[in-house]
Amino acid sequence: MLKQEIPMPVAIGILVAVLLVLGFFVYRSLFAPPATVKAIPEFQPPPPGVSAPPPPSGQAPPGNPSSAPVAPAPDYGAPR
């Protein structure tokens, strides 16, 4: 394969671009405000006095067959 040199202005431009990107990430990591979970509304704890929903029992509510647990056919899957 032929050896081909990169022209000096192009090499300097690439070097400057790489240093700018690196500098941006360093600046952002040093001076960014810390991420907090409290800033995300869906992760805030529930207000006091609110009880947790009951755990699922594995049974479908009456009249709602779409939420029933899936029971595969007896001959489905790998042999035991």
Protein backbone atom coordinates (compact mmCIF):
# COMPACT_ATOMS: atom_id res chain seq x y z
CA MET A 1 0.00 0.00 0.00
CA LEU A 2 1.24 3.47 -0.74
CA LYS A 3 2.10 5.70 2.17
CA GLN A 4 0.33 9.01 1.88
CA GLU A 5 0.93 11.92 4.20
CA ILE A 6 -1.84 14.07 5.60
CA PRO A 7 -1.31 17.75 4.77
CA MET A 8 -0.25 19.78 7.80
CA PRO A 9 -3.34 22.09 7.92
CA VAL A 10 -5.68 19.06 7.80
CA ALA A 11 -3.74 17.31 10.57
CA ILE A 12 -3.84 20.43 12.73
CA GLY A 13 -7.59 20.81 12.09
CA ILE A 14 -8.28 17.21 13.10
CA LEU A 15 -6.16 17.63 16.23
CA VAL A 16 -7.96 20.85 17.18
CA ALA A 17 -11.38 19.23 16.62
CA VAL A 18 -10.48 16.24 18.81
CA LEU A 19 -9.17 18.53 21.56
CA LEU A 20 -12.32 20.67 21.42
CA VAL A 21 -14.57 17.64 21.78
CA LEU A 22 -12.47 16.30 24.66
CA GLY A 23 -12.47 19.70 26.31
CA PHE A 24 -16.25 19.93 26.00
CA PHE A 25 -16.76 16.59 27.74
CA VAL A 26 -14.29 17.45 30.50
CA TYR A 27 -15.95 20.85 31.04
CA ARG A 28 -19.41 19.29 31.09
CA SER A 29 -18.36 16.60 33.57
CA LEU A 30 -16.74 19.13 35.92
CA PHE A 31 -19.32 21.92 35.86
CA ALA A 32 -22.62 20.16 35.20
CA PRO A 33 -25.14 20.12 38.04
CA PRO A 34 -25.44 16.69 39.64
CA ALA A 35 -28.25 14.53 38.33
CA THR A 36 -30.89 13.84 40.95
CA VAL A 37 -33.74 11.38 40.93
CA LYS A 38 -35.98 13.95 42.64
CA ALA A 39 -35.97 16.02 39.44
CA ILE A 40 -37.80 13.21 37.62
CA PRO A 41 -41.49 13.37 38.62
CA GLU A 42 -42.34 9.70 38.05
CA PHE A 43 -39.63 8.63 40.54
CA GLN A 44 -40.77 10.80 43.44
CA PRO A 45 -41.95 8.85 46.46
CA PRO A 46 -45.70 8.80 47.01
CA PRO A 47 -47.11 11.30 49.49
CA PRO A 48 -47.51 10.05 53.07
CA GLY A 49 -50.73 8.23 53.76
CA VAL A 50 -51.01 6.65 50.31
CA SER A 51 -50.88 2.87 50.47
CA ALA A 52 -49.14 0.75 47.88
CA PRO A 53 -51.31 -1.15 45.38
CA PRO A 54 -51.90 -4.79 46.30
CA PRO A 55 -49.48 -7.28 44.72
CA PRO A 56 -50.84 -9.24 41.75
CA SER A 57 -52.26 -12.58 42.80
CA GLY A 58 -51.81 -14.30 39.43
CA GLN A 59 -55.55 -14.63 38.94
CA ALA A 60 -57.49 -12.66 36.39
CA PRO A 61 -60.19 -10.40 37.76
CA PRO A 62 -63.68 -11.68 37.00
CA GLY A 63 -64.88 -10.58 33.60
CA ASN A 64 -61.37 -9.72 32.30
CA PRO A 65 -59.93 -12.77 30.49
CA SER A 66 -57.26 -10.71 28.71
CA SER A 67 -55.15 -10.35 31.88
CA ALA A 68 -55.19 -14.05 32.74
CA PRO A 69 -51.77 -15.70 33.12
CA VAL A 70 -50.60 -17.52 30.02
CA ALA A 71 -50.78 -21.29 30.25
CA PRO A 72 -48.98 -22.99 27.32
CA ALA A 73 -50.22 -26.23 25.80
CA PRO A 74 -48.96 -29.39 27.53
CA ASP A 75 -46.85 -30.47 24.51
CA TYR A 76 -45.29 -27.00 24.02
CA GLY A 77 -41.58 -26.44 24.64
CA ALA A 78 -38.63 -28.66 25.37
CA PRO A 79 -39.17 -32.21 26.66
CA ARG A 80 -38.64 -32.73 30.38
